[in-house]
Every structure is written in structure tokens, then in C-alpha cells.
C-alpha atoms as a PDB file:
ATOM      1  CA  UNK A   1       4.829  51.404   9.126  1.00  0.00           C
ATOM      2  CA  UNK A   2       6.269  53.155   6.081  1.00  0.00           C
ATOM      3  CA  UNK A   3       5.454  52.083   2.560  1.00  0.00           C
ATOM      4  CA  UNK A   4       8.191  53.339   0.293  1.00  0.00           C
ATOM      5  CA  UNK A   5       8.312  57.068   0.871  1.00  0.00           C
ATOM      6  CA  UNK A   6       4.690  57.330   1.974  1.00  0.00           C
ATOM      7  CA  UNK A   7       4.148  57.938   5.676  1.00  0.00           C
ATOM      8  CA  UNK A   8       0.650  57.071   6.907  1.00  0.00           C
ATOM      9  CA  UNK A   9      -1.195  59.952   8.558  1.00  0.00           C
ATOM     10  CA  UNK A  10      -4.185  58.647  10.511  1.00  0.00           C
ATOM     11  CA  UNK A  11      -7.275  60.817  10.764  1.00  0.00           C
ATOM     12  CA  UNK A  12      -9.389  60.026  13.812  1.00  0.00           C
ATOM     13  CA  UNK A  13     -12.785  61.293  12.688  1.00  0.00           C
ATOM     14  CA  UNK A  14     -15.214  61.148  15.592  1.00  0.00           C
ATOM     15  CA  UNK A  15     -13.281  58.261  17.172  1.00  0.00           C
ATOM     16  CA  UNK A  16     -10.595  58.273  19.848  1.00  0.00           C
ATOM     17  CA  UNK A  17      -7.131  57.080  18.849  1.00  0.00           C
ATOM     18  CA  UNK A  18      -7.125  54.852  21.929  1.00  0.00           C
ATOM     19  CA  UNK A  19     -10.314  53.121  20.743  1.00  0.00           C
ATOM     20  CA  UNK A  20      -8.632  52.447  17.410  1.00  0.00           C
ATOM     21  CA  UNK A  21      -5.411  51.173  18.964  1.00  0.00           C
ATOM     22  CA  UNK A  22      -7.168  48.950  21.510  1.00  0.00           C
ATOM     23  CA  UNK A  23     -10.006  48.127  19.090  1.00  0.00           C
ATOM     24  CA  UNK A  24     -12.693  48.889  21.662  1.00  0.00           C
ATOM     25  CA  UNK A  25     -16.037  50.665  21.754  1.00  0.00           C
ATOM     26  CA  UNK A  26     -18.123  51.066  18.630  1.00  0.00           C
ATOM     27  CA  UNK A  27     -14.942  50.942  16.535  1.00  0.00           C
ATOM     28  CA  UNK A  28     -14.084  47.495  17.897  1.00  0.00           C
ATOM     29  CA  UNK A  29     -17.645  46.262  17.316  1.00  0.00           C
ATOM     30  CA  UNK A  30     -17.594  47.515  13.713  1.00  0.00           C
ATOM     31  CA  UNK A  31     -14.265  45.783  13.158  1.00  0.00           C
ATOM     32  CA  UNK A  32     -15.664  42.487  14.478  1.00  0.00           C
ATOM     33  CA  UNK A  33     -18.689  42.767  12.168  1.00  0.00           C
ATOM     34  CA  UNK A  34     -16.375  43.370   9.206  1.00  0.00           C
ATOM     35  CA  UNK A  35     -14.268  40.350  10.139  1.00  0.00           C
ATOM     36  CA  UNK A  36     -17.405  38.205  10.403  1.00  0.00           C
ATOM     37  CA  UNK A  37     -18.396  39.263   6.874  1.00  0.00           C
ATOM     38  CA  UNK A  38     -14.947  38.284   5.577  1.00  0.00           C
ATOM     39  CA  UNK A  39     -15.194  34.901   7.293  1.00  0.00           C
ATOM     40  CA  UNK A  40     -18.669  34.238   5.856  1.00  0.00           C
ATOM     41  CA  UNK A  41     -17.334  34.699   2.307  1.00  0.00           C
ATOM     42  CA  UNK A  42     -14.570  32.113   2.781  1.00  0.00           C
ATOM     43  CA  UNK A  43     -14.777  28.728   1.088  1.00  0.00           C
ATOM     44  CA  UNK A  44     -15.076  26.484   4.162  1.00  0.00           C
ATOM     45  CA  UNK A  45     -13.955  23.484   2.136  1.00  0.00           C
ATOM     46  CA  UNK A  46     -10.550  25.006   1.482  1.00  0.00           C
ATOM     47  CA  UNK A  47      -8.035  25.220   4.305  1.00  0.00           C
ATOM     48  CA  UNK A  48      -5.964  27.567   2.150  1.00  0.00           C
ATOM     49  CA  UNK A  49      -8.887  30.012   1.809  1.00  0.00           C
ATOM     50  CA  UNK A  50      -9.523  29.910   5.551  1.00  0.00           C
ATOM     51  CA  UNK A  51      -5.863  30.548   6.362  1.00  0.00           C
ATOM     52  CA  UNK A  52      -5.615  33.372   3.817  1.00  0.00           C
ATOM     53  CA  UNK A  53      -8.701  35.067   5.268  1.00  0.00           C
ATOM     54  CA  UNK A  54      -7.427  34.760   8.840  1.00  0.00           C
ATOM     55  CA  UNK A  55      -4.014  36.110   7.790  1.00  0.00           C
ATOM     56  CA  UNK A  56      -5.674  39.084   6.096  1.00  0.00           C
ATOM     57  CA  UNK A  57      -7.730  39.787   9.244  1.00  0.00           C
ATOM     58  CA  UNK A  58      -4.635  39.522  11.461  1.00  0.00           C
ATOM     59  CA  UNK A  59      -2.622  41.844   9.179  1.00  0.00           C
ATOM     60  CA  UNK A  60      -5.421  44.422   9.208  1.00  0.00           C
ATOM     61  CA  UNK A  61      -5.597  44.332  12.998  1.00  0.00           C
ATOM     62  CA  UNK A  62      -1.829  44.807  13.259  1.00  0.00           C
ATOM     63  CA  UNK A  63      -1.974  47.778  10.876  1.00  0.00           C
ATOM     64  CA  UNK A  64      -4.823  49.319  12.879  1.00  0.00           C
ATOM     65  CA  UNK A  65      -2.894  48.911  16.143  1.00  0.00           C
ATOM     66  CA  UNK A  66       0.117  50.565  14.515  1.00  0.00           C
ATOM     67  CA  UNK A  67      -1.916  53.493  13.179  1.00  0.00           C
ATOM     68  CA  UNK A  68      -3.783  53.909  16.459  1.00  0.00           C
ATOM     69  CA  UNK A  69      -0.442  54.406  18.196  1.00  0.00           C
ATOM     70  CA  UNK A  70       0.730  57.130  15.797  1.00  0.00           C
ATOM     71  CA  UNK A  71       0.177  60.804  16.188  1.00  0.00           C
ATOM     72  CA  UNK A  72      -2.704  61.608  13.933  1.00  0.00           C
ATOM     73  CA  UNK A  73      -5.306  64.272  13.433  1.00  0.00           C
ATOM     74  CA  UNK A  74      -8.188  63.944  15.904  1.00  0.00           C
ATOM     75  CA  UNK A  75     -11.641  65.405  15.355  1.00  0.00           C
ATOM     76  CA  UNK A  76     -11.991  68.106  18.008  1.00  0.00           C
ATOM     77  CA  UNK A  77     -13.861  70.744  16.081  1.00  0.00           C
ATOM     78  CA  UNK A  78     -17.206  72.437  16.181  1.00  0.00           C
ATOM     79  CA  UNK A  79     -17.986  71.552  12.576  1.00  0.00           C
ATOM     80  CA  UNK A  80     -16.889  69.286   9.759  1.00  0.00           C
ATOM     81  CA  UNK A  81     -15.963  72.315   7.654  1.00  0.00           C
ATOM     82  CA  UNK A  82     -13.473  73.577  10.255  1.00  0.00           C
ATOM     83  CA  UNK A  83     -12.081  70.070  10.666  1.00  0.00           C
ATOM     84  CA  UNK A  84     -11.575  69.587   6.919  1.00  0.00           C
ATOM     85  CA  UNK A  85      -9.986  73.015   6.489  1.00  0.00           C
ATOM     86  CA  UNK A  86      -7.487  72.341   9.261  1.00  0.00           C
ATOM     87  CA  UNK A  87      -6.834  68.834   7.947  1.00  0.00           C
ATOM     88  CA  UNK A  88      -5.989  70.164   4.476  1.00  0.00           C
ATOM     89  CA  UNK A  89      -3.548  72.664   6.001  1.00  0.00           C
ATOM     90  CA  UNK A  90      -1.938  69.919   8.117  1.00  0.00           C
ATOM     91  CA  UNK A  91      -1.537  67.520   5.179  1.00  0.00           C
ATOM     92  CA  UNK A  92       0.002  70.234   2.987  1.00  0.00           C
ATOM     93  CA  UNK A  93       2.681  70.947   5.631  1.00  0.00           C
END
């Protein structure tokens, strides 16, 4: 998933890439809660609003699956400071 010349670089901060890709564990539960909030804000009297909300949810899930399958930068450090320092170096490369 490239947008122009920007290449997404996922950062898996205290979450496994597999959990993101498969949308499982606490990540999957948080995603479901977010989707429920989106659905609650939809005008139930408008089929167009319902379809637009469901399309947005589906597109987000597809993007998450795509990012979860990419090589990213996992959190495997003893401290946030070390993680951030190494992340900055990686992004600059």
C-alpha cells in the first residue's frame, strides 16, 4: 500500500504484528470497540450513512491487515527511550 512516494512503516509498539494482521487479542477487541463507536454515530435513518460507515470500517480493516503483514519495527526493548532512539535511527535510514 503506497501512497504517492510515501511508504508506510508500521511501528508495533507493545503489540505483535500477527495480532495486528489477524486482528486478535487486545488489539482486536480495541478495534471492535472503535467500530462500535463509529456505528453508534451513524444516522440509522439514512442507508447512505450506514453504507458509508461500513465501507470506512472495511477499508480500515483492510489497511490494518496490509500493515500487519509488512515488515515493521517491533517493540523488543528494555525501555521506551531505547526503543525511540532505535526507531529514529531506523526511520532516518
